[in-house]
Amino acid sequence: MMNSDKYVDVIERKVIPDMRRAFPVSGGIFQRDLAQCLSSKKVKTVFRKYKLNMLDWPGNSPNLNPIDHS
């Protein structure tokens, strides 16, 4: 199960280097959902530290689907 500590580890070891390699000038935009462990104070601090541009995205929930297939 993902938690804030694991997420920060992934961000620092994988996402930051990949984003810098892929977007050396603009920095790109990192899309993430709003799961509780992904939006903790610790995670937000890491995003500020590395100056990542974020696009917050709602979680994948059937309640958010505008099309009803019933």
PDB file of N, CA and C in Angstrom:
ATOM      1  N   MET A   1       0.840  -1.175   0.000  1.00  0.00           N
ATOM      2  CA  MET A   1       0.000   0.000   0.000  1.00  0.00           C
ATOM      3  C   MET A   1       0.889   1.243   0.000  1.00  0.00           C
ATOM      4  N   MET A   2       0.496   2.223  -0.779  1.00  0.00           N
ATOM      5  CA  MET A   2       1.264   3.464  -0.876  1.00  0.00           C
ATOM      6  C   MET A   2       0.977   4.340   0.342  1.00  0.00           C
ATOM      7  N   ASN A   3       2.040   4.942   0.876  1.00  0.00           N
ATOM      8  CA  ASN A   3       1.886   5.934   1.937  1.00  0.00           C
ATOM      9  C   ASN A   3       2.773   7.120   1.598  1.00  0.00           C
ATOM     10  N   SER A   4       2.743   8.159   2.400  1.00  0.00           N
ATOM     11  CA  SER A   4       3.486   9.387   2.102  1.00  0.00           C
ATOM     12  C   SER A   4       4.985   9.143   1.978  1.00  0.00           C
ATOM     13  N   ASP A   5       5.543   8.325   2.864  1.00  0.00           N
ATOM     14  CA  ASP A   5       6.988   8.072   2.822  1.00  0.00           C
ATOM     15  C   ASP A   5       7.398   7.363   1.531  1.00  0.00           C
ATOM     16  N   LYS A   6       6.631   6.361   1.133  1.00  0.00           N
ATOM     17  CA  LYS A   6       6.934   5.642  -0.112  1.00  0.00           C
ATOM     18  C   LYS A   6       6.781   6.566  -1.314  1.00  0.00           C
ATOM     19  N   TYR A   7       5.739   7.393  -1.288  1.00  0.00           N
ATOM     20  CA  TYR A   7       5.484   8.312  -2.395  1.00  0.00           C
ATOM     21  C   TYR A   7       6.623   9.317  -2.534  1.00  0.00           C
ATOM     22  N   VAL A   8       7.082   9.874  -1.420  1.00  0.00           N
ATOM     23  CA  VAL A   8       8.205  10.819  -1.453  1.00  0.00           C
ATOM     24  C   VAL A   8       9.453  10.136  -2.016  1.00  0.00           C
ATOM     25  N   ASP A   9       9.690   8.891  -1.625  1.00  0.00           N
ATOM     26  CA  ASP A   9      10.838   8.150  -2.137  1.00  0.00           C
ATOM     27  C   ASP A   9      10.758   7.995  -3.655  1.00  0.00           C
ATOM     28  N   VAL A  10       9.584   7.637  -4.173  1.00  0.00           N
ATOM     29  CA  VAL A  10       9.400   7.493  -5.617  1.00  0.00           C
ATOM     30  C   VAL A  10       9.599   8.833  -6.321  1.00  0.00           C
ATOM     31  N   ILE A  11       9.046   9.886  -5.751  1.00  0.00           N
ATOM     32  CA  ILE A  11       9.173  11.221  -6.347  1.00  0.00           C
ATOM     33  C   ILE A  11      10.652  11.614  -6.448  1.00  0.00           C
ATOM     34  N   GLU A  12      11.389  11.438  -5.374  1.00  0.00           N
ATOM     35  CA  GLU A  12      12.788  11.876  -5.359  1.00  0.00           C
ATOM     36  C   GLU A  12      13.699  10.981  -6.204  1.00  0.00           C
ATOM     37  N   ARG A  13      13.460   9.679  -6.215  1.00  0.00           N
ATOM     38  CA  ARG A  13      14.348   8.768  -6.943  1.00  0.00           C
ATOM     39  C   ARG A  13      14.017   8.658  -8.426  1.00  0.00           C
ATOM     40  N   LYS A  14      12.743   8.769  -8.783  1.00  0.00           N
ATOM     41  CA  LYS A  14      12.331   8.521 -10.161  1.00  0.00           C
ATOM     42  C   LYS A  14      11.723   9.732 -10.862  1.00  0.00           C
ATOM     43  N   VAL A  15      10.725  10.353 -10.242  1.00  0.00           N
ATOM     44  CA  VAL A  15       9.976  11.403 -10.921  1.00  0.00           C
ATOM     45  C   VAL A  15      10.831  12.650 -11.163  1.00  0.00           C
ATOM     46  N   ILE A  16      11.522  13.124 -10.154  1.00  0.00           N
ATOM     47  CA  ILE A  16      12.330  14.349 -10.308  1.00  0.00           C
ATOM     48  C   ILE A  16      13.363  14.184 -11.422  1.00  0.00           C
ATOM     49  N   PRO A  17      14.188  13.130 -11.406  1.00  0.00           N
ATOM     50  CA  PRO A  17      15.163  12.974 -12.499  1.00  0.00           C
ATOM     51  C   PRO A  17      14.500  12.835 -13.878  1.00  0.00           C
ATOM     52  N   ASP A  18      13.401  12.084 -13.964  1.00  0.00           N
ATOM     53  CA  ASP A  18      12.716  11.918 -15.246  1.00  0.00           C
ATOM     54  C   ASP A  18      12.125  13.236 -15.746  1.00  0.00           C
ATOM     55  N   MET A  19      11.518  14.000 -14.855  1.00  0.00           N
ATOM     56  CA  MET A  19      10.945  15.291 -15.248  1.00  0.00           C
ATOM     57  C   MET A  19      12.028  16.251 -15.720  1.00  0.00           C
ATOM     58  N   ARG A  20      13.134  16.277 -15.030  1.00  0.00           N
ATOM     59  CA  ARG A  20      14.231  17.184 -15.424  1.00  0.00           C
ATOM     60  C   ARG A  20      14.842  16.771 -16.767  1.00  0.00           C
ATOM     61  N   ARG A  21      14.891  15.471 -17.013  1.00  0.00           N
ATOM     62  CA  ARG A  21      15.428  14.983 -18.285  1.00  0.00           C
ATOM     63  C   ARG A  21      14.438  15.261 -19.423  1.00  0.00           C
ATOM     64  N   ALA A  22      13.165  15.047 -19.187  1.00  0.00           N
ATOM     65  CA  ALA A  22      12.152  15.217 -20.223  1.00  0.00           C
ATOM     66  C   ALA A  22      11.810  16.686 -20.498  1.00  0.00           C
ATOM     67  N   PHE A  23      11.878  17.513 -19.463  1.00  0.00           N
ATOM     68  CA  PHE A  23      11.497  18.930 -19.588  1.00  0.00           C
ATOM     69  C   PHE A  23      12.603  19.818 -19.008  1.00  0.00           C
ATOM     70  N   PRO A  24      13.750  19.886 -19.657  1.00  0.00           N
ATOM     71  CA  PRO A  24      14.881  20.633 -19.078  1.00  0.00           C
ATOM     72  C   PRO A  24      14.638  22.139 -18.965  1.00  0.00           C
ATOM     73  N   VAL A  25      13.790  22.687 -19.813  1.00  0.00           N
ATOM     74  CA  VAL A  25      13.570  24.134 -19.800  1.00  0.00           C
ATOM     75  C   VAL A  25      12.306  24.508 -19.023  1.00  0.00           C
ATOM     76  N   SER A  26      11.184  23.888 -19.385  1.00  0.00           N
ATOM     77  CA  SER A  26       9.911  24.301 -18.796  1.00  0.00           C
ATOM     78  C   SER A  26       9.604  23.615 -17.465  1.00  0.00           C
ATOM     79  N   GLY A  27      10.207  22.464 -17.205  1.00  0.00           N
ATOM     80  CA  GLY A  27       9.934  21.738 -15.981  1.00  0.00           C
ATOM     81  C   GLY A  27       8.738  20.812 -16.084  1.00  0.00           C
ATOM     82  N   GLY A  28       7.867  21.022 -17.075  1.00  0.00           N
ATOM     83  CA  GLY A  28       6.714  20.160 -17.266  1.00  0.00           C
ATOM     84  C   GLY A  28       5.672  20.333 -16.183  1.00  0.00           C
ATOM     85  N   ILE A  29       4.633  19.540 -16.264  1.00  0.00           N
ATOM     86  CA  ILE A  29       3.555  19.551 -15.275  1.00  0.00           C
ATOM     87  C   ILE A  29       3.330  18.117 -14.820  1.00  0.00           C
ATOM     88  N   PHE A  30       3.342  17.903 -13.532  1.00  0.00           N
ATOM     89  CA  PHE A  30       3.155  16.584 -12.953  1.00  0.00           C
ATOM     90  C   PHE A  30       1.698  16.434 -12.544  1.00  0.00           C
ATOM     91  N   GLN A  31       1.018  15.427 -13.117  1.00  0.00           N
ATOM     92  CA  GLN A  31      -0.387  15.189 -12.804  1.00  0.00           C
ATOM     93  C   GLN A  31      -0.484  14.157 -11.688  1.00  0.00           C
ATOM     94  N   ARG A  32      -1.271  14.464 -10.673  1.00  0.00           N
ATOM     95  CA  ARG A  32      -1.454  13.533  -9.565  1.00  0.00           C
ATOM     96  C   ARG A  32      -2.902  13.579  -9.114  1.00  0.00           C
ATOM     97  N   ASP A  33      -3.356  12.485  -8.527  1.00  0.00           N
ATOM     98  CA  ASP A  33      -4.717  12.528  -7.999  1.00  0.00           C
ATOM     99  C   ASP A  33      -4.672  13.026  -6.562  1.00  0.00           C
ATOM    100  N   LEU A  34      -5.818  13.212  -5.985  1.00  0.00           N
ATOM    101  CA  LEU A  34      -5.900  13.837  -4.668  1.00  0.00           C
ATOM    102  C   LEU A  34      -6.078  12.818  -3.545  1.00  0.00           C
ATOM    103  N   ALA A  35      -5.496  11.640  -3.717  1.00  0.00           N
ATOM    104  CA  ALA A  35      -5.535  10.648  -2.651  1.00  0.00           C
ATOM    105  C   ALA A  35      -4.879  11.229  -1.405  1.00  0.00           C
ATOM    106  N   GLN A  36      -5.376  10.855  -0.261  1.00  0.00           N
ATOM    107  CA  GLN A  36      -4.923  11.458   0.996  1.00  0.00           C
ATOM    108  C   GLN A  36      -3.415  11.325   1.205  1.00  0.00           C
ATOM    109  N   CYS A  37      -2.840  10.147   0.946  1.00  0.00           N
ATOM    110  CA  CYS A  37      -1.403   9.970   1.181  1.00  0.00           C
ATOM    111  C   CYS A  37      -0.572  10.750   0.175  1.00  0.00           C
ATOM    112  N   LEU A  38      -1.167  11.141  -0.964  1.00  0.00           N
ATOM    113  CA  LEU A  38      -0.433  11.879  -1.984  1.00  0.00           C
ATOM    114  C   LEU A  38      -0.533  13.382  -1.805  1.00  0.00           C
ATOM    115  N   SER A  39      -1.285  13.816  -0.826  1.00  0.00           N
ATOM    116  CA  SER A  39      -1.425  15.256  -0.604  1.00  0.00           C
ATOM    117  C   SER A  39      -1.155  15.627   0.853  1.00  0.00           C
ATOM    118  N   SER A  40      -0.295  14.869   1.512  1.00  0.00           N
ATOM    119  CA  SER A  40       0.076  15.166   2.896  1.00  0.00           C
ATOM    120  C   SER A  40       1.021  16.368   2.942  1.00  0.00           C
ATOM    121  N   LYS A  41       1.240  16.909   4.119  1.00  0.00           N
ATOM    122  CA  LYS A  41       2.164  18.036   4.282  1.00  0.00           C
ATOM    123  C   LYS A  41       3.567  17.662   3.827  1.00  0.00           C
ATOM    124  N   LYS A  42       3.978  16.446   4.141  1.00  0.00           N
ATOM    125  CA  LYS A  42       5.311  15.980   3.750  1.00  0.00           C
ATOM    126  C   LYS A  42       5.466  15.971   2.225  1.00  0.00           C
ATOM    127  N   VAL A  43       4.465  15.488   1.529  1.00  0.00           N
ATOM    128  CA  VAL A  43       4.499  15.434   0.069  1.00  0.00           C
ATOM    129  C   VAL A  43       4.477  16.847  -0.514  1.00  0.00           C
ATOM    130  N   LYS A  44       3.629  17.703   0.019  1.00  0.00           N
ATOM    131  CA  LYS A  44       3.561  19.084  -0.468  1.00  0.00           C
ATOM    132  C   LYS A  44       4.890  19.802  -0.283  1.00  0.00           C
ATOM    133  N   THR A  45       5.577  19.525   0.821  1.00  0.00           N
ATOM    134  CA  THR A  45       6.892  20.122   1.075  1.00  0.00           C
ATOM    135  C   THR A  45       7.894  19.688   0.006  1.00  0.00           C
ATOM    136  N   VAL A  46       7.866  18.419  -0.364  1.00  0.00           N
ATOM    137  CA  VAL A  46       8.777  17.917  -1.400  1.00  0.00           C
ATOM    138  C   VAL A  46       8.480  18.570  -2.748  1.00  0.00           C
ATOM    139  N   PHE A  47       7.202  18.712  -3.086  1.00  0.00           N
ATOM    140  CA  PHE A  47       6.853  19.366  -4.342  1.00  0.00           C
ATOM    141  C   PHE A  47       7.332  20.815  -4.365  1.00  0.00           C
ATOM    142  N   ARG A  48       7.206  21.516  -3.246  1.00  0.00           N
ATOM    143  CA  ARG A  48       7.702  22.900  -3.180  1.00  0.00           C
ATOM    144  C   ARG A  48       9.221  22.933  -3.272  1.00  0.00           C
ATOM    145  N   LYS A  49       9.879  22.006  -2.587  1.00  0.00           N
ATOM    146  CA  LYS A  49      11.345  21.943  -2.584  1.00  0.00           C
ATOM    147  C   LYS A  49      11.895  21.825  -4.004  1.00  0.00           C
ATOM    148  N   TYR A  50      11.282  20.971  -4.812  1.00  0.00           N
ATOM    149  CA  TYR A  50      11.761  20.740  -6.172  1.00  0.00           C
ATOM    150  C   TYR A  50      11.060  21.615  -7.211  1.00  0.00           C
ATOM    151  N   LYS A  51      10.174  22.494  -6.741  1.00  0.00           N
ATOM    152  CA  LYS A  51       9.453  23.439  -7.601  1.00  0.00           C
ATOM    153  C   LYS A  51       8.740  22.735  -8.750  1.00  0.00           C
ATOM    154  N   LEU A  52       8.041  21.648  -8.425  1.00  0.00           N
ATOM    155  CA  LEU A  52       7.272  20.916  -9.429  1.00  0.00           C
ATOM    156  C   LEU A  52       5.943  21.610  -9.674  1.00  0.00           C
ATOM    157  N   ASN A  53       5.602  21.784 -10.929  1.00  0.00           N
ATOM    158  CA  ASN A  53       4.280  22.284 -11.294  1.00  0.00           C
ATOM    159  C   ASN A  53       3.334  21.102 -11.247  1.00  0.00           C
ATOM    160  N   MET A  54       2.227  21.250 -10.532  1.00  0.00           N
ATOM    161  CA  MET A  54       1.294  20.143 -10.360  1.00  0.00           C
ATOM    162  C   MET A  54      -0.053  20.439 -10.981  1.00  0.00           C
ATOM    163  N   LEU A  55      -0.659  19.394 -11.504  1.00  0.00           N
ATOM    164  CA  LEU A  55      -2.034  19.430 -11.972  1.00  0.00           C
ATOM    165  C   LEU A  55      -2.788  18.451 -11.095  1.00  0.00           C
ATOM    166  N   ASP A  56      -3.589  18.973 -10.180  1.00  0.00           N
ATOM    167  CA  ASP A  56      -4.368  18.107  -9.296  1.00  0.00           C
ATOM    168  C   ASP A  56      -5.527  17.514 -10.087  1.00  0.00           C
ATOM    169  N   TRP A  57      -5.760  16.238  -9.885  1.00  0.00           N
ATOM    170  CA  TRP A  57      -6.757  15.509 -10.643  1.00  0.00           C
ATOM    171  C   TRP A  57      -7.631  14.731  -9.673  1.00  0.00           C
ATOM    172  N   PRO A  58      -8.949  14.743  -9.849  1.00  0.00           N
ATOM    173  CA  PRO A  58      -9.787  13.973  -8.927  1.00  0.00           C
ATOM    174  C   PRO A  58      -9.488  12.483  -9.038  1.00  0.00           C
ATOM    175  N   GLY A  59      -9.681  11.783  -7.952  1.00  0.00           N
ATOM    176  CA  GLY A  59      -9.456  10.344  -7.949  1.00  0.00           C
ATOM    177  C   GLY A  59     -10.408   9.631  -8.891  1.00  0.00           C
ATOM    178  N   ASN A  60     -10.096   8.416  -9.227  1.00  0.00           N
ATOM    179  CA  ASN A  60     -10.928   7.622 -10.121  1.00  0.00           C
ATOM    180  C   ASN A  60     -12.072   7.018  -9.310  1.00  0.00           C
ATOM    181  N   SER A  61     -13.225   7.598  -9.453  1.00  0.00           N
ATOM    182  CA  SER A  61     -14.375   7.146  -8.684  1.00  0.00           C
ATOM    183  C   SER A  61     -15.595   7.051  -9.592  1.00  0.00           C
ATOM    184  N   PRO A  62     -16.390   5.995  -9.472  1.00  0.00           N
ATOM    185  CA  PRO A  62     -17.600   5.917 -10.299  1.00  0.00           C
ATOM    186  C   PRO A  62     -18.576   7.059 -10.006  1.00  0.00           C
ATOM    187  N   ASN A  63     -18.494   7.645  -8.833  1.00  0.00           N
ATOM    188  CA  ASN A  63     -19.374   8.767  -8.488  1.00  0.00           C
ATOM    189  C   ASN A  63     -19.033  10.018  -9.288  1.00  0.00           C
ATOM    190  N   LEU A  64     -17.831  10.085  -9.854  1.00  0.00           N
ATOM    191  CA  LEU A  64     -17.416  11.248 -10.617  1.00  0.00           C
ATOM    192  C   LEU A  64     -17.684  11.097 -12.115  1.00  0.00           C
ATOM    193  N   ASN A  65     -18.186   9.960 -12.527  1.00  0.00           N
ATOM    194  CA  ASN A  65     -18.444   9.709 -13.931  1.00  0.00           C
ATOM    195  C   ASN A  65     -19.728  10.425 -14.361  1.00  0.00           C
ATOM    196  N   PRO A  66     -19.635  11.371 -15.324  1.00  0.00           N
ATOM    197  CA  PRO A  66     -20.832  12.119 -15.725  1.00  0.00           C
ATOM    198  C   PRO A  66     -21.790  11.302 -16.592  1.00  0.00           C
ATOM    199  N   ILE A  67     -21.351  10.141 -17.062  1.00  0.00           N
ATOM    200  CA  ILE A  67     -22.200   9.327 -17.941  1.00  0.00           C
ATOM    201  C   ILE A  67     -22.733   8.129 -17.137  1.00  0.00           C
ATOM    202  N   ASP A  68     -24.035   7.998 -17.105  1.00  0.00           N
ATOM    203  CA  ASP A  68     -24.658   6.888 -16.397  1.00  0.00           C
ATOM    204  C   ASP A  68     -25.015   5.803 -17.421  1.00  0.00           C
ATOM    205  N   HIS A  69     -24.435   4.603 -17.241  1.00  0.00           N
ATOM    206  CA  HIS A  69     -24.652   3.517 -18.198  1.00  0.00           C
ATOM    207  C   HIS A  69     -25.761   2.567 -17.761  1.00  0.00           C
ATOM    208  N   SER A  70     -26.718   3.017 -16.994  1.00  0.00           N
ATOM    209  CA  SER A  70     -27.769   2.104 -16.529  1.00  0.00           C
ATOM    210  C   SER A  70     -28.959   2.053 -17.440  1.00  0.00           C
TER     211      SER A  70
END
